[in-house]
Amino acid sequence: MAIYLLHFSWLAAAAIALSSIPTTAAAAELKLLSIGDGDTIRVSGNTGINKTTVRLACIDAPETSQAPYGNAARQALQAQLPIGTEVSLRTKATDRYGRTVAEVLKGTTNINQALVQSGVAFVYWQYIEGCDLETFSSVARGKQQQHCHLTKWASGPPTLTTGVKNETLRLRLYG
């Protein structure tokens, strides 16, 4: 019985200690330092220490070299997140380049979903795991019904990078 009580006390103490650690949804606010392209940002803690590059999870946007849509995606992200904006992250993973892969929140607004909804990014179905599939599906369907301008990233079907240097994947979006 004494061993059981000791074990129970240890578990209770651990539960109390863990409850004081913020969850990813309630993570400390971070400040936006810069925007790379339409789906990559750089953030730091309020002290400016611990700078982190963040790849927005579950979406993809044209590269800045895919004119004019790459620049449009970057400008849309800049409009959503001006430099110095406080954001929080729902971290999903770390990619092979060492970037944090996360959903970015500005208050209660999911920036990843907002970019898809605005038409400058699309849902990256290959990497949807860990994100709200139902909400992303709904946002993507809404853009499809509005004949999203993503079909104009390039002449013919848009060229979307697969993450492998010099390799592209051709997809026809929305028809």
N, C-alpha and C. Protein backbone atom coordinates (compact mmCIF):
# COMPACT_ATOMS: atom_id res chain seq x y z
N MET A 1 0.82 -1.19 0.00
CA MET A 1 0.00 0.00 0.00
C MET A 1 0.87 1.25 0.00
N ALA A 2 1.98 1.23 0.73
CA ALA A 2 2.87 2.39 0.80
C ALA A 2 3.47 2.69 -0.57
N ILE A 3 3.82 1.64 -1.32
CA ILE A 3 4.38 1.84 -2.65
C ILE A 3 3.33 2.48 -3.56
N TYR A 4 2.07 2.03 -3.47
CA TYR A 4 1.00 2.59 -4.28
C TYR A 4 0.81 4.07 -3.96
N LEU A 5 0.81 4.45 -2.69
CA LEU A 5 0.64 5.85 -2.30
C LEU A 5 1.81 6.70 -2.77
N LEU A 6 3.02 6.15 -2.66
CA LEU A 6 4.20 6.87 -3.13
C LEU A 6 4.10 7.11 -4.63
N HIS A 7 3.71 6.07 -5.37
CA HIS A 7 3.56 6.18 -6.82
C HIS A 7 2.48 7.21 -7.17
N PHE A 8 1.35 7.17 -6.46
CA PHE A 8 0.27 8.11 -6.69
C PHE A 8 0.72 9.54 -6.40
N SER A 9 1.48 9.74 -5.31
CA SER A 9 1.99 11.08 -4.96
C SER A 9 2.92 11.60 -6.03
N TRP A 10 3.77 10.74 -6.55
CA TRP A 10 4.70 11.15 -7.60
C TRP A 10 3.93 11.56 -8.86
N LEU A 11 2.91 10.77 -9.24
CA LEU A 11 2.10 11.11 -10.41
C LEU A 11 1.35 12.42 -10.21
N ALA A 12 0.82 12.65 -9.02
CA ALA A 12 0.11 13.89 -8.75
C ALA A 12 1.06 15.08 -8.85
N ALA A 13 2.26 14.94 -8.29
CA ALA A 13 3.25 16.02 -8.36
C ALA A 13 3.65 16.29 -9.81
N ALA A 14 3.82 15.24 -10.59
CA ALA A 14 4.17 15.42 -12.00
C ALA A 14 3.04 16.11 -12.76
N ALA A 15 1.81 15.74 -12.49
CA ALA A 15 0.67 16.36 -13.16
C ALA A 15 0.58 17.84 -12.83
N ILE A 16 0.83 18.20 -11.58
CA ILE A 16 0.80 19.61 -11.18
C ILE A 16 1.92 20.37 -11.88
N ALA A 17 3.10 19.78 -11.93
CA ALA A 17 4.24 20.45 -12.59
C ALA A 17 3.97 20.64 -14.07
N LEU A 18 3.43 19.61 -14.73
CA LEU A 18 3.17 19.70 -16.17
C LEU A 18 2.06 20.69 -16.49
N SER A 19 1.12 20.87 -15.58
CA SER A 19 0.02 21.79 -15.86
C SER A 19 0.47 23.24 -15.91
N SER A 20 1.65 23.53 -15.38
CA SER A 20 2.15 24.90 -15.42
C SER A 20 2.91 25.21 -16.70
N ILE A 21 3.19 24.19 -17.53
CA ILE A 21 3.88 24.40 -18.81
C ILE A 21 2.84 24.82 -19.84
N PRO A 22 3.07 25.93 -20.57
CA PRO A 22 2.09 26.35 -21.58
C PRO A 22 1.99 25.35 -22.71
N THR A 23 0.78 25.15 -23.21
CA THR A 23 0.58 24.29 -24.37
C THR A 23 0.93 25.08 -25.62
N THR A 24 1.01 24.40 -26.75
CA THR A 24 1.36 25.11 -27.98
C THR A 24 0.30 26.15 -28.33
N ALA A 25 -0.96 25.87 -28.03
CA ALA A 25 -2.01 26.84 -28.34
C ALA A 25 -1.91 28.06 -27.44
N ALA A 26 -1.34 27.89 -26.24
CA ALA A 26 -1.22 29.00 -25.31
C ALA A 26 0.25 29.38 -25.12
N ALA A 27 1.05 29.15 -26.15
CA ALA A 27 2.48 29.40 -26.07
C ALA A 27 2.76 30.89 -25.92
N ALA A 28 3.95 31.17 -25.42
CA ALA A 28 4.37 32.56 -25.26
C ALA A 28 4.32 33.28 -26.60
N GLU A 29 3.98 34.55 -26.55
CA GLU A 29 3.92 35.35 -27.77
C GLU A 29 5.33 35.52 -28.35
N LEU A 30 5.40 35.49 -29.64
CA LEU A 30 6.64 35.70 -30.38
C LEU A 30 6.46 36.92 -31.25
N LYS A 31 7.56 37.57 -31.58
CA LYS A 31 7.51 38.74 -32.47
C LYS A 31 8.01 38.36 -33.85
N LEU A 32 7.29 38.84 -34.87
CA LEU A 32 7.69 38.60 -36.24
C LEU A 32 8.88 39.49 -36.57
N LEU A 33 9.95 38.87 -37.06
CA LEU A 33 11.16 39.62 -37.44
C LEU A 33 11.21 39.90 -38.93
N SER A 34 10.84 38.88 -39.73
CA SER A 34 10.91 39.05 -41.18
C SER A 34 10.06 38.00 -41.88
N ILE A 35 9.84 38.23 -43.17
CA ILE A 35 9.09 37.31 -44.01
C ILE A 35 10.00 36.90 -45.15
N GLY A 36 10.12 35.59 -45.34
CA GLY A 36 10.97 35.09 -46.42
C GLY A 36 10.23 35.09 -47.73
N ASP A 37 9.22 34.25 -47.81
CA ASP A 37 8.35 34.21 -48.99
C ASP A 37 6.93 34.04 -48.49
N GLY A 38 6.04 33.52 -49.30
CA GLY A 38 4.65 33.44 -48.92
C GLY A 38 4.31 32.39 -47.88
N ASP A 39 5.28 31.55 -47.50
CA ASP A 39 5.00 30.54 -46.48
C ASP A 39 6.16 30.33 -45.51
N THR A 40 7.02 31.34 -45.36
CA THR A 40 8.15 31.24 -44.42
C THR A 40 8.34 32.57 -43.70
N ILE A 41 8.47 32.50 -42.38
CA ILE A 41 8.69 33.70 -41.57
C ILE A 41 9.83 33.44 -40.59
N ARG A 42 10.30 34.51 -39.96
CA ARG A 42 11.31 34.42 -38.91
C ARG A 42 10.77 35.15 -37.69
N VAL A 43 10.83 34.49 -36.53
CA VAL A 43 10.30 35.05 -35.29
C VAL A 43 11.34 34.96 -34.18
N SER A 44 11.09 35.71 -33.10
CA SER A 44 11.93 35.59 -31.90
C SER A 44 11.05 35.85 -30.69
N GLY A 45 11.57 35.48 -29.52
CA GLY A 45 10.89 35.82 -28.28
C GLY A 45 10.94 37.33 -28.10
N ASN A 46 10.18 37.83 -27.16
CA ASN A 46 10.10 39.29 -26.96
C ASN A 46 11.45 39.91 -26.64
N THR A 47 12.40 39.11 -26.18
CA THR A 47 13.73 39.64 -25.86
C THR A 47 14.62 39.73 -27.09
N GLY A 48 14.18 39.15 -28.20
CA GLY A 48 14.99 39.16 -29.42
C GLY A 48 15.95 38.01 -29.49
N ILE A 49 15.98 37.18 -28.46
CA ILE A 49 16.86 36.01 -28.43
C ILE A 49 16.09 34.82 -29.00
N ASN A 50 16.80 33.78 -29.37
CA ASN A 50 16.19 32.55 -29.89
C ASN A 50 15.39 32.80 -31.16
N LYS A 51 16.05 33.28 -32.17
CA LYS A 51 15.41 33.50 -33.47
C LYS A 51 15.12 32.15 -34.13
N THR A 52 13.94 32.05 -34.71
CA THR A 52 13.49 30.79 -35.30
C THR A 52 12.89 31.04 -36.67
N THR A 53 13.26 30.21 -37.64
CA THR A 53 12.64 30.25 -38.95
C THR A 53 11.46 29.29 -38.93
N VAL A 54 10.32 29.77 -39.39
CA VAL A 54 9.08 28.99 -39.34
C VAL A 54 8.55 28.79 -40.76
N ARG A 55 8.32 27.55 -41.12
CA ARG A 55 7.66 27.19 -42.38
C ARG A 55 6.20 26.96 -42.03
N LEU A 56 5.29 27.70 -42.66
CA LEU A 56 3.88 27.57 -42.35
C LEU A 56 3.39 26.17 -42.73
N ALA A 57 2.80 25.48 -41.76
CA ALA A 57 2.38 24.10 -41.92
C ALA A 57 1.15 23.98 -42.81
N CYS A 58 1.09 22.88 -43.52
CA CYS A 58 -0.12 22.44 -44.24
C CYS A 58 -0.51 23.32 -45.42
N ILE A 59 0.33 24.28 -45.81
CA ILE A 59 0.04 25.10 -46.98
C ILE A 59 1.30 25.21 -47.83
N ASP A 60 1.13 25.64 -49.05
CA ASP A 60 2.25 25.97 -49.92
C ASP A 60 1.87 27.20 -50.70
N ALA A 61 2.83 28.05 -50.93
CA ALA A 61 2.64 29.27 -51.70
C ALA A 61 3.71 29.29 -52.79
N PRO A 62 3.46 30.03 -53.87
CA PRO A 62 4.47 30.09 -54.93
C PRO A 62 5.78 30.71 -54.41
N GLU A 63 6.86 30.27 -54.98
CA GLU A 63 8.16 30.84 -54.63
C GLU A 63 8.25 32.25 -55.19
N THR A 64 9.07 33.08 -54.59
CA THR A 64 9.17 34.47 -55.06
C THR A 64 9.65 34.53 -56.51
N SER A 65 10.35 33.51 -56.97
CA SER A 65 10.81 33.48 -58.36
C SER A 65 9.67 33.17 -59.33
N GLN A 66 8.52 32.74 -58.85
CA GLN A 66 7.38 32.43 -59.71
C GLN A 66 6.52 33.69 -59.86
N ALA A 67 7.08 34.66 -60.60
CA ALA A 67 6.42 35.96 -60.79
C ALA A 67 5.15 35.79 -61.60
N PRO A 68 4.17 36.59 -61.31
CA PRO A 68 4.08 37.59 -60.24
C PRO A 68 3.47 37.03 -58.95
N TYR A 69 3.12 35.73 -58.95
CA TYR A 69 2.36 35.18 -57.84
C TYR A 69 3.18 34.95 -56.58
N GLY A 70 4.47 34.71 -56.73
CA GLY A 70 5.32 34.58 -55.56
C GLY A 70 5.38 35.88 -54.77
N ASN A 71 5.54 36.99 -55.49
CA ASN A 71 5.55 38.29 -54.81
C ASN A 71 4.19 38.61 -54.20
N ALA A 72 3.11 38.23 -54.90
CA ALA A 72 1.76 38.46 -54.36
C ALA A 72 1.55 37.69 -53.07
N ALA A 73 2.05 36.46 -53.01
CA ALA A 73 1.92 35.65 -51.79
C ALA A 73 2.72 36.28 -50.65
N ARG A 74 3.92 36.73 -50.94
CA ARG A 74 4.75 37.38 -49.92
C ARG A 74 4.08 38.66 -49.42
N GLN A 75 3.55 39.46 -50.33
CA GLN A 75 2.88 40.71 -49.95
C GLN A 75 1.63 40.44 -49.12
N ALA A 76 0.90 39.37 -49.45
CA ALA A 76 -0.30 39.02 -48.67
C ALA A 76 0.09 38.62 -47.25
N LEU A 77 1.19 37.88 -47.12
CA LEU A 77 1.66 37.49 -45.79
C LEU A 77 2.13 38.72 -45.02
N GLN A 78 2.81 39.65 -45.70
CA GLN A 78 3.24 40.90 -45.06
C GLN A 78 2.04 41.72 -44.60
N ALA A 79 0.96 41.71 -45.37
CA ALA A 79 -0.24 42.46 -44.98
C ALA A 79 -0.90 41.83 -43.76
N GLN A 80 -0.89 40.50 -43.69
CA GLN A 80 -1.45 39.79 -42.54
C GLN A 80 -0.58 39.95 -41.30
N LEU A 81 0.75 39.96 -41.51
CA LEU A 81 1.70 39.98 -40.40
C LEU A 81 2.77 41.06 -40.61
N PRO A 82 2.47 42.30 -40.30
CA PRO A 82 3.52 43.32 -40.39
C PRO A 82 4.67 43.01 -39.42
N ILE A 83 5.86 43.45 -39.75
CA ILE A 83 7.02 43.24 -38.88
C ILE A 83 6.68 43.75 -37.48
N GLY A 84 7.03 42.94 -36.47
CA GLY A 84 6.76 43.30 -35.08
C GLY A 84 5.46 42.74 -34.54
N THR A 85 4.65 42.15 -35.41
CA THR A 85 3.38 41.55 -34.97
C THR A 85 3.66 40.42 -33.98
N GLU A 86 2.84 40.34 -32.94
CA GLU A 86 2.95 39.22 -32.00
C GLU A 86 2.15 38.05 -32.54
N VAL A 87 2.77 36.89 -32.56
CA VAL A 87 2.14 35.67 -33.04
C VAL A 87 2.40 34.54 -32.05
N SER A 88 1.63 33.49 -32.17
CA SER A 88 1.92 32.25 -31.45
C SER A 88 1.93 31.12 -32.47
N LEU A 89 2.53 30.01 -32.09
CA LEU A 89 2.71 28.89 -33.00
C LEU A 89 2.05 27.64 -32.47
N ARG A 90 1.49 26.86 -33.39
CA ARG A 90 1.07 25.48 -33.10
C ARG A 90 2.06 24.62 -33.86
N THR A 91 3.12 24.24 -33.19
CA THR A 91 4.22 23.53 -33.82
C THR A 91 3.82 22.11 -34.19
N LYS A 92 4.19 21.71 -35.41
CA LYS A 92 3.89 20.38 -35.93
C LYS A 92 5.14 19.51 -36.02
N ALA A 93 6.26 20.10 -36.45
CA ALA A 93 7.47 19.31 -36.69
C ALA A 93 8.64 20.25 -36.92
N THR A 94 9.79 19.64 -37.18
CA THR A 94 10.97 20.35 -37.67
C THR A 94 11.30 19.72 -39.01
N ASP A 95 11.47 20.55 -40.05
CA ASP A 95 11.73 19.97 -41.37
C ASP A 95 13.21 19.68 -41.56
N ARG A 96 13.56 19.12 -42.70
CA ARG A 96 14.94 18.70 -42.95
C ARG A 96 15.91 19.87 -43.04
N TYR A 97 15.39 21.10 -43.15
CA TYR A 97 16.25 22.29 -43.17
C TYR A 97 16.38 22.91 -41.79
N GLY A 98 15.78 22.28 -40.77
CA GLY A 98 15.87 22.79 -39.41
C GLY A 98 14.83 23.84 -39.07
N ARG A 99 13.90 24.08 -39.99
CA ARG A 99 12.85 25.07 -39.72
C ARG A 99 11.75 24.44 -38.88
N THR A 100 11.15 25.26 -38.02
CA THR A 100 9.98 24.84 -37.28
C THR A 100 8.79 24.88 -38.23
N VAL A 101 8.05 23.80 -38.32
CA VAL A 101 6.86 23.74 -39.16
C VAL A 101 5.67 23.93 -38.23
N ALA A 102 4.88 25.00 -38.48
CA ALA A 102 3.83 25.33 -37.52
C ALA A 102 2.69 26.09 -38.17
N GLU A 103 1.54 26.02 -37.52
CA GLU A 103 0.45 26.92 -37.85
C GLU A 103 0.73 28.20 -37.08
N VAL A 104 0.54 29.33 -37.71
CA VAL A 104 0.83 30.64 -37.12
C VAL A 104 -0.50 31.30 -36.76
N LEU A 105 -0.59 31.74 -35.53
CA LEU A 105 -1.80 32.40 -35.05
C LEU A 105 -1.50 33.85 -34.70
N LYS A 106 -2.37 34.72 -35.18
CA LYS A 106 -2.35 36.14 -34.80
C LYS A 106 -3.65 36.34 -34.04
N GLY A 107 -3.56 36.34 -32.71
CA GLY A 107 -4.77 36.31 -31.90
C GLY A 107 -5.45 34.99 -32.13
N THR A 108 -6.70 35.02 -32.59
CA THR A 108 -7.42 33.78 -32.88
C THR A 108 -7.44 33.46 -34.37
N THR A 109 -6.79 34.29 -35.18
CA THR A 109 -6.77 34.08 -36.64
C THR A 109 -5.66 33.12 -37.02
N ASN A 110 -6.01 32.05 -37.71
CA ASN A 110 -5.04 31.10 -38.24
C ASN A 110 -4.54 31.67 -39.57
N ILE A 111 -3.31 32.15 -39.58
CA ILE A 111 -2.74 32.80 -40.76
C ILE A 111 -2.62 31.82 -41.92
N ASN A 112 -2.27 30.57 -41.65
CA ASN A 112 -2.14 29.57 -42.70
C ASN A 112 -3.46 29.44 -43.47
N GLN A 113 -4.55 29.31 -42.74
CA GLN A 113 -5.87 29.19 -43.37
C GLN A 113 -6.26 30.48 -44.06
N ALA A 114 -5.92 31.62 -43.48
CA ALA A 114 -6.26 32.91 -44.08
C ALA A 114 -5.58 33.08 -45.44
N LEU A 115 -4.35 32.59 -45.57
CA LEU A 115 -3.64 32.70 -46.85
C LEU A 115 -4.30 31.83 -47.93
N VAL A 116 -4.76 30.65 -47.54
CA VAL A 116 -5.48 29.80 -48.49
C VAL A 116 -6.79 30.49 -48.87
N GLN A 117 -7.48 31.00 -47.88
CA GLN A 117 -8.76 31.65 -48.13
C GLN A 117 -8.61 32.88 -49.03
N SER A 118 -7.49 33.59 -48.89
CA SER A 118 -7.29 34.79 -49.73
C SER A 118 -6.84 34.43 -51.14
N GLY A 119 -6.47 33.17 -51.37
CA GLY A 119 -6.13 32.74 -52.72
C GLY A 119 -4.67 32.83 -53.09
N VAL A 120 -3.78 33.12 -52.14
CA VAL A 120 -2.35 33.23 -52.47
C VAL A 120 -1.56 31.98 -52.09
N ALA A 121 -2.23 31.02 -51.46
CA ALA A 121 -1.60 29.75 -51.08
C ALA A 121 -2.64 28.65 -51.26
N PHE A 122 -2.18 27.41 -51.26
CA PHE A 122 -3.11 26.30 -51.35
C PHE A 122 -2.78 25.29 -50.26
N VAL A 123 -3.73 24.42 -49.98
CA VAL A 123 -3.53 23.39 -48.98
C VAL A 123 -2.52 22.39 -49.53
N TYR A 124 -1.53 22.06 -48.73
CA TYR A 124 -0.48 21.13 -49.12
C TYR A 124 -0.88 19.76 -48.59
N TRP A 125 -1.72 19.05 -49.35
CA TRP A 125 -2.34 17.81 -48.89
C TRP A 125 -1.31 16.77 -48.49
N GLN A 126 -0.16 16.76 -49.12
CA GLN A 126 0.88 15.79 -48.79
C GLN A 126 1.36 15.94 -47.34
N TYR A 127 1.24 17.16 -46.80
CA TYR A 127 1.72 17.44 -45.44
C TYR A 127 0.60 17.98 -44.55
N ILE A 128 -0.62 17.47 -44.70
CA ILE A 128 -1.76 17.98 -43.94
C ILE A 128 -1.82 17.36 -42.53
N GLU A 129 -1.11 16.28 -42.31
CA GLU A 129 -1.17 15.61 -41.01
C GLU A 129 -0.84 16.56 -39.86
N GLY A 130 -1.68 16.52 -38.84
CA GLY A 130 -1.48 17.37 -37.68
C GLY A 130 -2.26 18.67 -37.75
N CYS A 131 -2.80 19.00 -38.92
CA CYS A 131 -3.61 20.21 -39.06
C CYS A 131 -5.09 19.81 -39.08
N ASP A 132 -5.95 20.79 -38.94
CA ASP A 132 -7.38 20.56 -38.91
C ASP A 132 -7.87 20.27 -40.33
N LEU A 133 -7.95 19.00 -40.67
CA LEU A 133 -8.29 18.56 -42.02
C LEU A 133 -9.64 19.12 -42.46
N GLU A 134 -10.62 19.08 -41.58
CA GLU A 134 -11.96 19.54 -41.93
C GLU A 134 -11.97 21.03 -42.29
N THR A 135 -11.30 21.85 -41.49
CA THR A 135 -11.28 23.28 -41.76
C THR A 135 -10.49 23.59 -43.03
N PHE A 136 -9.32 22.98 -43.18
CA PHE A 136 -8.54 23.22 -44.39
C PHE A 136 -9.30 22.75 -45.64
N SER A 137 -10.00 21.62 -45.55
CA SER A 137 -10.80 21.14 -46.68
C SER A 137 -11.90 22.14 -47.03
N SER A 138 -12.55 22.66 -46.02
CA SER A 138 -13.62 23.64 -46.23
C SER A 138 -13.10 24.90 -46.89
N VAL A 139 -11.96 25.39 -46.41
CA VAL A 139 -11.36 26.60 -46.98
C VAL A 139 -10.97 26.34 -48.44
N ALA A 140 -10.38 25.19 -48.71
CA ALA A 140 -9.95 24.86 -50.07
C ALA A 140 -11.16 24.73 -51.00
N ARG A 141 -12.22 24.09 -50.54
CA ARG A 141 -13.44 23.97 -51.35
C ARG A 141 -14.01 25.35 -51.65
N GLY A 142 -13.99 26.23 -50.68
CA GLY A 142 -14.49 27.59 -50.89
C GLY A 142 -13.72 28.30 -51.97
N LYS A 143 -12.41 28.15 -51.99
CA LYS A 143 -11.60 28.80 -53.03
C LYS A 143 -11.85 28.15 -54.38
N GLN A 144 -12.05 26.83 -54.39
CA GLN A 144 -12.31 26.14 -55.65
C GLN A 144 -13.60 26.66 -56.27
N GLN A 145 -14.61 26.85 -55.46
CA GLN A 145 -15.89 27.33 -55.96
C GLN A 145 -15.80 28.77 -56.45
N GLN A 146 -14.83 29.53 -55.94
CA GLN A 146 -14.66 30.92 -56.37
C GLN A 146 -13.67 31.02 -57.54
N HIS A 147 -13.27 29.88 -58.12
CA HIS A 147 -12.30 29.85 -59.23
C HIS A 147 -11.03 30.61 -58.86
N CYS A 148 -10.42 30.14 -57.83
CA CYS A 148 -9.20 30.72 -57.26
C CYS A 148 -8.17 31.04 -58.34
N HIS A 149 -7.48 32.17 -58.19
CA HIS A 149 -6.49 32.58 -59.18
C HIS A 149 -5.19 31.79 -59.10
N LEU A 150 -5.12 30.79 -58.22
CA LEU A 150 -3.91 29.97 -58.16
C LEU A 150 -3.64 29.26 -59.48
N THR A 151 -4.66 29.08 -60.29
CA THR A 151 -4.46 28.42 -61.58
C THR A 151 -3.61 29.27 -62.51
N LYS A 152 -3.32 30.51 -62.13
CA LYS A 152 -2.56 31.41 -62.99
C LYS A 152 -1.11 31.60 -62.53
N TRP A 153 -0.61 30.73 -61.66
CA TRP A 153 0.76 30.88 -61.20
C TRP A 153 1.75 30.83 -62.35
N ALA A 154 1.45 30.06 -63.34
CA ALA A 154 2.33 29.92 -64.50
C ALA A 154 1.44 29.68 -65.71
N SER A 155 1.98 29.84 -66.90
CA SER A 155 1.16 29.55 -68.07
C SER A 155 0.88 28.05 -68.08
N GLY A 156 -0.34 27.68 -68.37
CA GLY A 156 -0.73 26.28 -68.26
C GLY A 156 -0.88 25.92 -66.79
N PRO A 157 -0.72 24.65 -66.47
CA PRO A 157 -0.83 24.25 -65.06
C PRO A 157 0.27 24.92 -64.24
N PRO A 158 -0.04 25.32 -63.00
CA PRO A 158 0.98 25.98 -62.19
C PRO A 158 2.10 25.02 -61.83
N THR A 159 3.30 25.55 -61.67
CA THR A 159 4.44 24.76 -61.27
C THR A 159 4.63 24.97 -59.78
N LEU A 160 4.54 23.91 -59.03
CA LEU A 160 4.65 23.99 -57.58
C LEU A 160 5.86 23.19 -57.14
N THR A 161 6.68 23.75 -56.29
CA THR A 161 7.88 23.03 -55.89
C THR A 161 7.52 21.88 -54.97
N THR A 162 8.30 20.82 -55.05
CA THR A 162 8.07 19.65 -54.20
C THR A 162 9.04 19.63 -53.04
N GLY A 163 9.95 20.58 -52.97
CA GLY A 163 10.94 20.58 -51.90
C GLY A 163 12.25 19.93 -52.33
N VAL A 164 12.29 19.35 -53.50
CA VAL A 164 13.52 18.76 -54.02
C VAL A 164 14.09 19.74 -55.02
N LYS A 165 15.33 20.16 -54.82
CA LYS A 165 15.93 21.18 -55.66
C LYS A 165 15.84 20.78 -57.14
N ASN A 166 15.42 21.74 -57.95
CA ASN A 166 15.31 21.60 -59.40
C ASN A 166 14.27 20.56 -59.84
N GLU A 167 13.47 20.06 -58.93
CA GLU A 167 12.42 19.13 -59.32
C GLU A 167 11.08 19.82 -59.07
N THR A 168 10.19 19.74 -60.04
CA THR A 168 8.88 20.37 -59.88
C THR A 168 7.79 19.34 -60.10
N LEU A 169 6.66 19.67 -59.58
CA LEU A 169 5.48 18.84 -59.73
C LEU A 169 4.42 19.66 -60.43
N ARG A 170 3.92 19.20 -61.55
CA ARG A 170 2.89 19.96 -62.27
C ARG A 170 1.52 19.44 -61.84
N LEU A 171 0.71 20.36 -61.41
CA LEU A 171 -0.64 20.03 -60.99
C LEU A 171 -1.62 20.98 -61.67
N ARG A 172 -2.76 20.50 -62.03
CA ARG A 172 -3.80 21.40 -62.51
C ARG A 172 -4.77 21.57 -61.34
N LEU A 173 -4.83 22.78 -60.84
CA LEU A 173 -5.70 23.07 -59.71
C LEU A 173 -7.05 23.54 -60.19
N TYR A 174 -8.08 22.98 -59.61
CA TYR A 174 -9.45 23.45 -59.83
C TYR A 174 -9.87 23.40 -61.29
N GLY A 175 -9.57 22.32 -61.96
CA GLY A 175 -10.12 22.15 -63.28
C GLY A 175 -9.07 22.11 -64.31
